């Protein structure tokens, strides 16, 4: 079991997701980022060109491996074969850290390939903490877990999401990957305050921030959809500034784009904006 003294040290860097579109950029020159993040499942393989490219990039930069299929909220427990492959990847790459999502993705017979929401109940909390303990024990390290974007709530909910995350970190010693866009999306879909969400978190457990774009609500659809297919909007930039100002330690910040991926220079421009906002948020106020 992982306990509170298994520390993940803060890392004050700015990075992007490593996507196939930009492989040549990273192989041909030094890209001005402090780290890259990859989707774990894309590299849980024996070898091949894709894995060799990851190894070449890893020789230059720290790598974060970020999963989408651990299904940490599964009532059926974790898939031992998945954990074995993830452990093998972790040993081969020696990542900065390993992360996944507060969600479930599968049952014993079906994989949804989607990040499905958790009921925010004590029963679900007990199950997810048991699964986190198992995953962290297999990996031999503490993990980060990301707050999801959501489009529904459960009538059985007993906790707010920030209360759930707080208790989850306390019981398991895990850390948080704070997706600022997901906070914004869920707050608009469910009518809670983004600022109250941030204030209710154990901010000392945050080690990374994700920034991404979303599909705004329309007259025909009154919910916001987390799509990762466009640039970060102004409201999310503003919330990022508030979050960074509240954090008691530096964190890693990443621009996340998974569809309609632009040229790398466009993402680096957004990353420069994140650098500027973070720097300004941490400047002492003038009296």
C-alpha atoms as a PDB file:
ATOM      1  CA  UNK A   1       0.000   0.000   0.000  1.00  0.00           C
ATOM      2  CA  UNK A   2       1.172   3.532  -0.786  1.00  0.00           C
ATOM      3  CA  UNK A   3       1.138   5.931   2.152  1.00  0.00           C
ATOM      4  CA  UNK A   4       1.384   9.701   2.494  1.00  0.00           C
ATOM      5  CA  UNK A   5       5.186   9.620   2.775  1.00  0.00           C
ATOM      6  CA  UNK A   6       5.548   8.316  -0.789  1.00  0.00           C
ATOM      7  CA  UNK A   7       6.126  11.808  -2.086  1.00  0.00           C
ATOM      8  CA  UNK A   8       5.867  13.095  -5.642  1.00  0.00           C
ATOM      9  CA  UNK A   9       7.965  16.240  -5.664  1.00  0.00           C
ATOM     10  CA  UNK A  10       6.589  19.351  -7.415  1.00  0.00           C
ATOM     11  CA  UNK A  11       7.792  19.950 -10.976  1.00  0.00           C
ATOM     12  CA  UNK A  12       7.380  23.448 -12.399  1.00  0.00           C
ATOM     13  CA  UNK A  13       7.370  22.762 -16.135  1.00  0.00           C
ATOM     14  CA  UNK A  14       5.298  23.426 -19.242  1.00  0.00           C
ATOM     15  CA  UNK A  15       4.614  20.721 -21.803  1.00  0.00           C
ATOM     16  CA  UNK A  16       2.405  19.273 -24.520  1.00  0.00           C
ATOM     17  CA  UNK A  17       0.975  15.916 -25.410  1.00  0.00           C
ATOM     18  CA  UNK A  18       3.207  13.905 -27.740  1.00  0.00           C
ATOM     19  CA  UNK A  19       1.041  13.091 -30.762  1.00  0.00           C
ATOM     20  CA  UNK A  20       1.985  11.376 -34.034  1.00  0.00           C
ATOM     21  CA  UNK A  21       1.408  14.611 -35.945  1.00  0.00           C
ATOM     22  CA  UNK A  22       4.409  16.123 -34.167  1.00  0.00           C
ATOM     23  CA  UNK A  23       6.820  13.156 -34.068  1.00  0.00           C
ATOM     24  CA  UNK A  24       9.099  14.690 -36.688  1.00  0.00           C
ATOM     25  CA  UNK A  25       9.206  18.008 -34.811  1.00  0.00           C
ATOM     26  CA  UNK A  26      10.513  16.296 -31.696  1.00  0.00           C
ATOM     27  CA  UNK A  27      12.965  14.068 -33.562  1.00  0.00           C
ATOM     28  CA  UNK A  28      14.471  16.749 -35.787  1.00  0.00           C
ATOM     29  CA  UNK A  29      15.044  19.554 -33.275  1.00  0.00           C
ATOM     30  CA  UNK A  30      14.890  20.576 -29.635  1.00  0.00           C
ATOM     31  CA  UNK A  31      11.312  21.663 -28.902  1.00  0.00           C
ATOM     32  CA  UNK A  32      10.992  24.391 -26.217  1.00  0.00           C
ATOM     33  CA  UNK A  33       9.002  22.336 -23.702  1.00  0.00           C
ATOM     34  CA  UNK A  34       9.933  20.915 -20.295  1.00  0.00           C
ATOM     35  CA  UNK A  35       8.159  17.567 -20.715  1.00  0.00           C
ATOM     36  CA  UNK A  36       5.767  15.603 -22.899  1.00  0.00           C
ATOM     37  CA  UNK A  37       2.781  13.496 -21.936  1.00  0.00           C
ATOM     38  CA  UNK A  38       1.734  10.333 -23.776  1.00  0.00           C
ATOM     39  CA  UNK A  39      -1.377   8.169 -23.636  1.00  0.00           C
ATOM     40  CA  UNK A  40      -0.242   5.044 -21.779  1.00  0.00           C
ATOM     41  CA  UNK A  41      -2.286   2.592 -23.829  1.00  0.00           C
ATOM     42  CA  UNK A  42      -0.646   3.722 -27.092  1.00  0.00           C
ATOM     43  CA  UNK A  43       2.739   2.495 -25.838  1.00  0.00           C
ATOM     44  CA  UNK A  44       1.839  -0.636 -23.867  1.00  0.00           C
ATOM     45  CA  UNK A  45       3.403  -2.660 -26.690  1.00  0.00           C
ATOM     46  CA  UNK A  46       6.479  -4.848 -27.155  1.00  0.00           C
ATOM     47  CA  UNK A  47       8.267  -2.525 -29.559  1.00  0.00           C
ATOM     48  CA  UNK A  48       8.023  -1.095 -33.071  1.00  0.00           C
ATOM     49  CA  UNK A  49       8.616   2.345 -34.551  1.00  0.00           C
ATOM     50  CA  UNK A  50       6.150   4.141 -32.282  1.00  0.00           C
ATOM     51  CA  UNK A  51       7.865   2.866 -29.152  1.00  0.00           C
ATOM     52  CA  UNK A  52      11.332   3.630 -30.534  1.00  0.00           C
ATOM     53  CA  UNK A  53      10.239   7.219 -31.122  1.00  0.00           C
ATOM     54  CA  UNK A  54       9.044   7.471 -27.532  1.00  0.00           C
ATOM     55  CA  UNK A  55      12.434   6.200 -26.353  1.00  0.00           C
ATOM     56  CA  UNK A  56      14.203   8.816 -28.477  1.00  0.00           C
ATOM     57  CA  UNK A  57      12.026  11.592 -27.091  1.00  0.00           C
ATOM     58  CA  UNK A  58      12.506  10.251 -23.553  1.00  0.00           C
ATOM     59  CA  UNK A  59      16.275  10.560 -24.010  1.00  0.00           C
ATOM     60  CA  UNK A  60      15.723  14.321 -24.423  1.00  0.00           C
ATOM     61  CA  UNK A  61      12.781  15.088 -22.133  1.00  0.00           C
ATOM     62  CA  UNK A  62      10.882  13.835 -19.083  1.00  0.00           C
ATOM     63  CA  UNK A  63       7.784  11.858 -20.030  1.00  0.00           C
ATOM     64  CA  UNK A  64       4.459  11.561 -18.202  1.00  0.00           C
ATOM     65  CA  UNK A  65       2.342   8.495 -18.982  1.00  0.00           C
ATOM     66  CA  UNK A  66      -1.375   9.245 -18.806  1.00  0.00           C
ATOM     67  CA  UNK A  67      -3.918   6.427 -18.973  1.00  0.00           C
ATOM     68  CA  UNK A  68      -7.502   6.312 -20.177  1.00  0.00           C
ATOM     69  CA  UNK A  69      -8.392   2.637 -19.536  1.00  0.00           C
ATOM     70  CA  UNK A  70      -7.361   1.692 -16.003  1.00  0.00           C
ATOM     71  CA  UNK A  71     -11.017   2.002 -14.947  1.00  0.00           C
ATOM     72  CA  UNK A  72     -10.049   2.910 -11.411  1.00  0.00           C
ATOM     73  CA  UNK A  73     -13.726   3.163 -10.483  1.00  0.00           C
ATOM     74  CA  UNK A  74     -14.641  -0.327 -11.643  1.00  0.00           C
ATOM     75  CA  UNK A  75     -16.717  -2.332  -9.159  1.00  0.00           C
ATOM     76  CA  UNK A  76     -15.137  -5.476 -10.649  1.00  0.00           C
ATOM     77  CA  UNK A  77     -11.639  -4.447  -9.574  1.00  0.00           C
ATOM     78  CA  UNK A  78      -8.669  -3.760 -11.807  1.00  0.00           C
ATOM     79  CA  UNK A  79      -7.531  -5.811 -14.799  1.00  0.00           C
ATOM     80  CA  UNK A  80      -4.335  -7.595 -13.728  1.00  0.00           C
ATOM     81  CA  UNK A  81      -3.115  -7.942 -17.332  1.00  0.00           C
ATOM     82  CA  UNK A  82      -3.517  -4.202 -17.830  1.00  0.00           C
ATOM     83  CA  UNK A  83      -1.544  -3.470 -14.658  1.00  0.00           C
ATOM     84  CA  UNK A  84       1.230  -5.816 -15.749  1.00  0.00           C
ATOM     85  CA  UNK A  85       1.591  -4.060 -19.102  1.00  0.00           C
ATOM     86  CA  UNK A  86       1.472  -0.639 -17.456  1.00  0.00           C
ATOM     87  CA  UNK A  87       4.195  -1.713 -15.017  1.00  0.00           C
ATOM     88  CA  UNK A  88       6.357  -2.884 -17.923  1.00  0.00           C
ATOM     89  CA  UNK A  89       5.923   0.482 -19.659  1.00  0.00           C
ATOM     90  CA  UNK A  90       6.725   2.320 -16.433  1.00  0.00           C
ATOM     91  CA  UNK A  91       9.925   0.321 -16.002  1.00  0.00           C
ATOM     92  CA  UNK A  92      11.048   0.874 -19.594  1.00  0.00           C
ATOM     93  CA  UNK A  93      10.343   4.618 -19.731  1.00  0.00           C
ATOM     94  CA  UNK A  94      10.932   5.710 -16.116  1.00  0.00           C
ATOM     95  CA  UNK A  95       8.264   8.433 -16.363  1.00  0.00           C
ATOM     96  CA  UNK A  96       8.073  11.589 -14.334  1.00  0.00           C
ATOM     97  CA  UNK A  97       4.803  10.175 -13.033  1.00  0.00           C
ATOM     98  CA  UNK A  98       1.853   7.952 -13.969  1.00  0.00           C
ATOM     99  CA  UNK A  99      -1.714   9.272 -14.102  1.00  0.00           C
ATOM    100  CA  UNK A 100      -5.242   8.231 -14.982  1.00  0.00           C
ATOM    101  CA  UNK A 101      -8.830   9.445 -14.494  1.00  0.00           C
ATOM    102  CA  UNK A 102     -11.424   9.398 -11.730  1.00  0.00           C
ATOM    103  CA  UNK A 103     -13.885   7.309 -13.734  1.00  0.00           C
ATOM    104  CA  UNK A 104     -14.806   3.814 -14.815  1.00  0.00           C
ATOM    105  CA  UNK A 105     -14.581   2.508 -18.372  1.00  0.00           C
ATOM    106  CA  UNK A 106     -15.503  -1.184 -18.275  1.00  0.00           C
ATOM    107  CA  UNK A 107     -17.436  -4.015 -16.721  1.00  0.00           C
ATOM    108  CA  UNK A 108     -16.217  -7.609 -16.591  1.00  0.00           C
ATOM    109  CA  UNK A 109     -17.681  -8.168 -20.059  1.00  0.00           C
ATOM    110  CA  UNK A 110     -17.583  -4.817 -21.836  1.00  0.00           C
ATOM    111  CA  UNK A 111     -15.202  -1.904 -22.377  1.00  0.00           C
ATOM    112  CA  UNK A 112     -16.966   1.366 -23.172  1.00  0.00           C
ATOM    113  CA  UNK A 113     -13.793   3.179 -24.312  1.00  0.00           C
ATOM    114  CA  UNK A 114     -15.233   6.243 -22.594  1.00  0.00           C
ATOM    115  CA  UNK A 115     -14.573   7.994 -19.286  1.00  0.00           C
ATOM    116  CA  UNK A 116     -17.802   7.292 -17.409  1.00  0.00           C
ATOM    117  CA  UNK A 117     -18.753   9.243 -14.250  1.00  0.00           C
ATOM    118  CA  UNK A 118     -18.608   7.907 -10.720  1.00  0.00           C
ATOM    119  CA  UNK A 119     -21.477   8.088  -8.248  1.00  0.00           C
ATOM    120  CA  UNK A 120     -20.132  10.264  -5.451  1.00  0.00           C
ATOM    121  CA  UNK A 121     -21.017   7.915  -2.596  1.00  0.00           C
ATOM    122  CA  UNK A 122     -19.152   6.307   0.302  1.00  0.00           C
ATOM    123  CA  UNK A 123     -19.584   2.898  -1.330  1.00  0.00           C
ATOM    124  CA  UNK A 124     -17.952   4.116  -4.557  1.00  0.00           C
ATOM    125  CA  UNK A 125     -15.218   5.862  -2.576  1.00  0.00           C
ATOM    126  CA  UNK A 126     -14.329   2.641  -0.761  1.00  0.00           C
ATOM    127  CA  UNK A 127     -14.135   0.725  -4.056  1.00  0.00           C
ATOM    128  CA  UNK A 128     -12.029   3.344  -5.796  1.00  0.00           C
ATOM    129  CA  UNK A 129      -9.607   3.641  -2.875  1.00  0.00           C
ATOM    130  CA  UNK A 130      -9.140  -0.134  -2.866  1.00  0.00           C
ATOM    131  CA  UNK A 131      -8.369  -0.026  -6.590  1.00  0.00           C
ATOM    132  CA  UNK A 132      -5.947   2.885  -6.191  1.00  0.00           C
ATOM    133  CA  UNK A 133      -4.127   1.019  -3.423  1.00  0.00           C
ATOM    134  CA  UNK A 134      -3.769  -1.986  -5.734  1.00  0.00           C
ATOM    135  CA  UNK A 135      -2.524   0.083  -8.697  1.00  0.00           C
ATOM    136  CA  UNK A 136      -0.028   2.024  -6.611  1.00  0.00           C
ATOM    137  CA  UNK A 137       1.253  -1.167  -4.984  1.00  0.00           C
ATOM    138  CA  UNK A 138       1.829  -2.816  -8.374  1.00  0.00           C
ATOM    139  CA  UNK A 139       3.617   0.261  -9.723  1.00  0.00           C
ATOM    140  CA  UNK A 140       5.532   0.859  -6.498  1.00  0.00           C
ATOM    141  CA  UNK A 141       4.782   4.577  -6.693  1.00  0.00           C
ATOM    142  CA  UNK A 142       2.049   7.076  -5.979  1.00  0.00           C
ATOM    143  CA  UNK A 143      -0.170   8.041  -8.928  1.00  0.00           C
ATOM    144  CA  UNK A 144      -2.028  11.156 -10.065  1.00  0.00           C
ATOM    145  CA  UNK A 145      -5.749  11.075 -10.837  1.00  0.00           C
ATOM    146  CA  UNK A 146      -7.600  13.583 -13.001  1.00  0.00           C
ATOM    147  CA  UNK A 147     -10.966  15.143 -12.235  1.00  0.00           C
ATOM    148  CA  UNK A 148     -13.375  14.286 -15.071  1.00  0.00           C
ATOM    149  CA  UNK A 149     -15.738  16.404 -17.096  1.00  0.00           C
ATOM    150  CA  UNK A 150     -19.307  15.215 -16.566  1.00  0.00           C
ATOM    151  CA  UNK A 151     -22.753  15.606 -18.037  1.00  0.00           C
ATOM    152  CA  UNK A 152     -24.949  13.985 -15.380  1.00  0.00           C
ATOM    153  CA  UNK A 153     -25.126  13.454 -11.640  1.00  0.00           C
ATOM    154  CA  UNK A 154     -26.580  10.598  -9.599  1.00  0.00           C
ATOM    155  CA  UNK A 155     -29.509  10.972  -7.194  1.00  0.00           C
ATOM    156  CA  UNK A 156     -27.531   8.800  -4.734  1.00  0.00           C
ATOM    157  CA  UNK A 157     -24.628  11.304  -4.550  1.00  0.00           C
ATOM    158  CA  UNK A 158     -23.558  11.981  -0.957  1.00  0.00           C
ATOM    159  CA  UNK A 159     -20.492  14.164  -1.595  1.00  0.00           C
ATOM    160  CA  UNK A 160     -19.442  16.952  -3.888  1.00  0.00           C
ATOM    161  CA  UNK A 161     -16.738  15.999  -6.354  1.00  0.00           C
ATOM    162  CA  UNK A 162     -14.160  18.066  -4.497  1.00  0.00           C
ATOM    163  CA  UNK A 163     -15.066  16.355  -1.217  1.00  0.00           C
ATOM    164  CA  UNK A 164     -14.748  12.979  -2.932  1.00  0.00           C
ATOM    165  CA  UNK A 165     -11.309  13.862  -4.334  1.00  0.00           C
ATOM    166  CA  UNK A 166     -10.165  15.199  -0.972  1.00  0.00           C
ATOM    167  CA  UNK A 167     -11.065  12.023   0.861  1.00  0.00           C
ATOM    168  CA  UNK A 168      -9.621   9.872  -1.940  1.00  0.00           C
ATOM    169  CA  UNK A 169      -6.210  11.521  -1.629  1.00  0.00           C
ATOM    170  CA  UNK A 170      -6.312  11.304   2.171  1.00  0.00           C
ATOM    171  CA  UNK A 171      -7.067   7.568   2.211  1.00  0.00           C
ATOM    172  CA  UNK A 172      -4.663   6.472  -0.541  1.00  0.00           C
ATOM    173  CA  UNK A 173      -1.840   9.026  -0.617  1.00  0.00           C
ATOM    174  CA  UNK A 174      -2.427   9.637  -4.339  1.00  0.00           C
ATOM    175  CA  UNK A 175      -2.034  13.037  -5.984  1.00  0.00           C
ATOM    176  CA  UNK A 176      -4.214  15.121  -8.289  1.00  0.00           C
ATOM    177  CA  UNK A 177      -4.006  16.048 -11.940  1.00  0.00           C
ATOM    178  CA  UNK A 178      -6.206  19.141 -12.043  1.00  0.00           C
ATOM    179  CA  UNK A 179      -7.947  19.562 -15.380  1.00  0.00           C
ATOM    180  CA  UNK A 180      -9.049  23.200 -15.320  1.00  0.00           C
ATOM    181  CA  UNK A 181     -11.147  22.842 -18.465  1.00  0.00           C
ATOM    182  CA  UNK A 182     -13.002  19.894 -16.903  1.00  0.00           C
ATOM    183  CA  UNK A 183     -13.790  21.956 -13.807  1.00  0.00           C
ATOM    184  CA  UNK A 184     -15.192  24.686 -16.041  1.00  0.00           C
ATOM    185  CA  UNK A 185     -17.220  22.245 -18.189  1.00  0.00           C
ATOM    186  CA  UNK A 186     -18.720  20.434 -15.204  1.00  0.00           C
ATOM    187  CA  UNK A 187     -19.456  23.669 -13.330  1.00  0.00           C
ATOM    188  CA  UNK A 188     -21.470  24.982 -16.257  1.00  0.00           C
ATOM    189  CA  UNK A 189     -23.253  21.663 -16.801  1.00  0.00           C
ATOM    190  CA  UNK A 190     -24.170  21.210 -13.126  1.00  0.00           C
ATOM    191  CA  UNK A 191     -24.408  24.769 -11.845  1.00  0.00           C
ATOM    192  CA  UNK A 192     -21.727  24.793  -9.162  1.00  0.00           C
ATOM    193  CA  UNK A 193     -19.011  27.391  -8.558  1.00  0.00           C
ATOM    194  CA  UNK A 194     -15.587  26.721 -10.072  1.00  0.00           C
ATOM    195  CA  UNK A 195     -14.032  28.823  -7.326  1.00  0.00           C
ATOM    196  CA  UNK A 196     -15.778  26.802  -4.607  1.00  0.00           C
ATOM    197  CA  UNK A 197     -14.516  23.614  -6.287  1.00  0.00           C
ATOM    198  CA  UNK A 198     -10.912  24.869  -6.228  1.00  0.00           C
ATOM    199  CA  UNK A 199     -11.191  26.100  -2.640  1.00  0.00           C
ATOM    200  CA  UNK A 200     -12.490  22.712  -1.504  1.00  0.00           C
ATOM    201  CA  UNK A 201      -9.614  20.664  -2.937  1.00  0.00           C
ATOM    202  CA  UNK A 202      -6.451  19.570  -1.121  1.00  0.00           C
ATOM    203  CA  UNK A 203      -4.379  21.892  -3.312  1.00  0.00           C
ATOM    204  CA  UNK A 204      -1.116  20.675  -1.799  1.00  0.00           C
ATOM    205  CA  UNK A 205      -1.762  17.348  -3.580  1.00  0.00           C
ATOM    206  CA  UNK A 206      -1.938  18.891  -7.084  1.00  0.00           C
ATOM    207  CA  UNK A 207       1.100  18.154  -9.232  1.00  0.00           C
ATOM    208  CA  UNK A 208      -0.152  18.826 -12.766  1.00  0.00           C
ATOM    209  CA  UNK A 209      -2.691  20.934 -14.640  1.00  0.00           C
ATOM    210  CA  UNK A 210      -4.337  20.165 -17.992  1.00  0.00           C
ATOM    211  CA  UNK A 211      -5.633  22.915 -20.265  1.00  0.00           C
ATOM    212  CA  UNK A 212      -7.851  22.097 -23.243  1.00  0.00           C
ATOM    213  CA  UNK A 213     -10.701  23.329 -25.389  1.00  0.00           C
ATOM    214  CA  UNK A 214     -14.356  22.318 -25.408  1.00  0.00           C
ATOM    215  CA  UNK A 215     -17.492  22.502 -27.531  1.00  0.00           C
ATOM    216  CA  UNK A 216     -19.705  25.265 -26.092  1.00  0.00           C
ATOM    217  CA  UNK A 217     -23.422  24.937 -25.481  1.00  0.00           C
ATOM    218  CA  UNK A 218     -25.828  25.737 -28.313  1.00  0.00           C
ATOM    219  CA  UNK A 219     -29.536  26.661 -28.472  1.00  0.00           C
ATOM    220  CA  UNK A 220     -30.206  22.998 -29.317  1.00  0.00           C
ATOM    221  CA  UNK A 221     -27.878  21.581 -26.623  1.00  0.00           C
ATOM    222  CA  UNK A 222     -27.569  23.235 -23.237  1.00  0.00           C
ATOM    223  CA  UNK A 223     -24.504  21.319 -22.038  1.00  0.00           C
ATOM    224  CA  UNK A 224     -20.826  21.896 -22.772  1.00  0.00           C
ATOM    225  CA  UNK A 225     -18.909  18.940 -24.252  1.00  0.00           C
ATOM    226  CA  UNK A 226     -15.253  18.293 -23.419  1.00  0.00           C
ATOM    227  CA  UNK A 227     -13.736  17.682 -26.856  1.00  0.00           C
ATOM    228  CA  UNK A 228      -9.998  18.582 -26.720  1.00  0.00           C
ATOM    229  CA  UNK A 229     -10.279  19.690 -30.337  1.00  0.00           C
ATOM    230  CA  UNK A 230      -9.821  23.452 -30.162  1.00  0.00           C
ATOM    231  CA  UNK A 231      -7.875  26.148 -28.379  1.00  0.00           C
ATOM    232  CA  UNK A 232      -8.371  27.042 -24.719  1.00  0.00           C
ATOM    233  CA  UNK A 233     -11.177  29.591 -24.261  1.00  0.00           C
ATOM    234  CA  UNK A 234     -10.901  32.858 -22.351  1.00  0.00           C
ATOM    235  CA  UNK A 235     -12.966  31.673 -19.378  1.00  0.00           C
ATOM    236  CA  UNK A 236     -10.718  28.653 -18.897  1.00  0.00           C
ATOM    237  CA  UNK A 237      -7.606  30.852 -19.120  1.00  0.00           C
ATOM    238  CA  UNK A 238      -9.071  33.039 -16.382  1.00  0.00           C
ATOM    239  CA  UNK A 239      -9.820  30.004 -14.206  1.00  0.00           C
ATOM    240  CA  UNK A 240      -6.270  28.747 -14.776  1.00  0.00           C
ATOM    241  CA  UNK A 241      -4.907  32.024 -13.433  1.00  0.00           C
ATOM    242  CA  UNK A 242      -7.062  31.690 -10.308  1.00  0.00           C
ATOM    243  CA  UNK A 243      -5.991  28.078  -9.792  1.00  0.00           C
ATOM    244  CA  UNK A 244      -2.273  28.796 -10.119  1.00  0.00           C
ATOM    245  CA  UNK A 245      -2.560  31.724  -7.706  1.00  0.00           C
ATOM    246  CA  UNK A 246      -4.200  29.430  -5.114  1.00  0.00           C
ATOM    247  CA  UNK A 247      -1.718  26.556  -5.355  1.00  0.00           C
ATOM    248  CA  UNK A 248       0.859  26.407  -2.546  1.00  0.00           C
ATOM    249  CA  UNK A 249       3.503  24.814  -4.818  1.00  0.00           C
ATOM    250  CA  UNK A 250       4.554  24.972  -8.478  1.00  0.00           C
ATOM    251  CA  UNK A 251       2.960  22.456 -10.837  1.00  0.00           C
ATOM    252  CA  UNK A 252       3.431  21.106 -14.344  1.00  0.00           C
ATOM    253  CA  UNK A 253       1.066  22.629 -16.915  1.00  0.00           C
ATOM    254  CA  UNK A 254       0.155  20.961 -20.216  1.00  0.00           C
ATOM    255  CA  UNK A 255      -1.814  21.912 -23.318  1.00  0.00           C
ATOM    256  CA  UNK A 256      -3.946  18.912 -24.302  1.00  0.00           C
ATOM    257  CA  UNK A 257      -5.186  18.477 -27.882  1.00  0.00           C
ATOM    258  CA  UNK A 258      -6.533  15.158 -29.178  1.00  0.00           C
ATOM    259  CA  UNK A 259      -8.417  16.073 -32.362  1.00  0.00           C
ATOM    260  CA  UNK A 260      -8.043  18.717 -35.079  1.00  0.00           C
ATOM    261  CA  UNK A 261      -4.420  18.845 -33.965  1.00  0.00           C
ATOM    262  CA  UNK A 262      -2.707  21.979 -35.298  1.00  0.00           C
ATOM    263  CA  UNK A 263       0.923  22.546 -36.194  1.00  0.00           C
ATOM    264  CA  UNK A 264       3.178  22.414 -33.174  1.00  0.00           C
ATOM    265  CA  UNK A 265       3.929  26.136 -33.250  1.00  0.00           C
ATOM    266  CA  UNK A 266       0.261  26.888 -32.501  1.00  0.00           C
ATOM    267  CA  UNK A 267       0.299  24.703 -29.383  1.00  0.00           C
ATOM    268  CA  UNK A 268       3.580  26.268 -28.299  1.00  0.00           C
ATOM    269  CA  UNK A 269       1.916  29.676 -28.601  1.00  0.00           C
ATOM    270  CA  UNK A 270      -0.795  28.550 -26.171  1.00  0.00           C
ATOM    271  CA  UNK A 271       1.902  27.168 -23.891  1.00  0.00           C
ATOM    272  CA  UNK A 272       3.634  30.542 -23.885  1.00  0.00           C
ATOM    273  CA  UNK A 273       0.358  32.111 -22.788  1.00  0.00           C
ATOM    274  CA  UNK A 274       0.155  29.605 -19.929  1.00  0.00           C
ATOM    275  CA  UNK A 275       3.686  30.546 -18.891  1.00  0.00           C
ATOM    276  CA  UNK A 276       2.727  34.214 -18.842  1.00  0.00           C
ATOM    277  CA  UNK A 277      -0.451  33.679 -16.833  1.00  0.00           C
ATOM    278  CA  UNK A 278       1.336  31.453 -14.312  1.00  0.00           C
ATOM    279  CA  UNK A 279       4.127  33.979 -13.890  1.00  0.00           C
ATOM    280  CA  UNK A 280       1.703  36.844 -13.398  1.00  0.00           C
ATOM    281  CA  UNK A 281      -0.447  34.854 -10.944  1.00  0.00           C
ATOM    282  CA  UNK A 282       2.546  34.203  -8.721  1.00  0.00           C
ATOM    283  CA  UNK A 283       3.816  37.794  -8.705  1.00  0.00           C
ATOM    284  CA  UNK A 284       3.327  39.547  -5.344  1.00  0.00           C
ATOM    285  CA  UNK A 285       0.554  42.102  -5.340  1.00  0.00           C
ATOM    286  CA  UNK A 286       1.633  45.767  -5.423  1.00  0.00           C
ATOM    287  CA  UNK A 287       0.514  47.769  -2.413  1.00  0.00           C
END
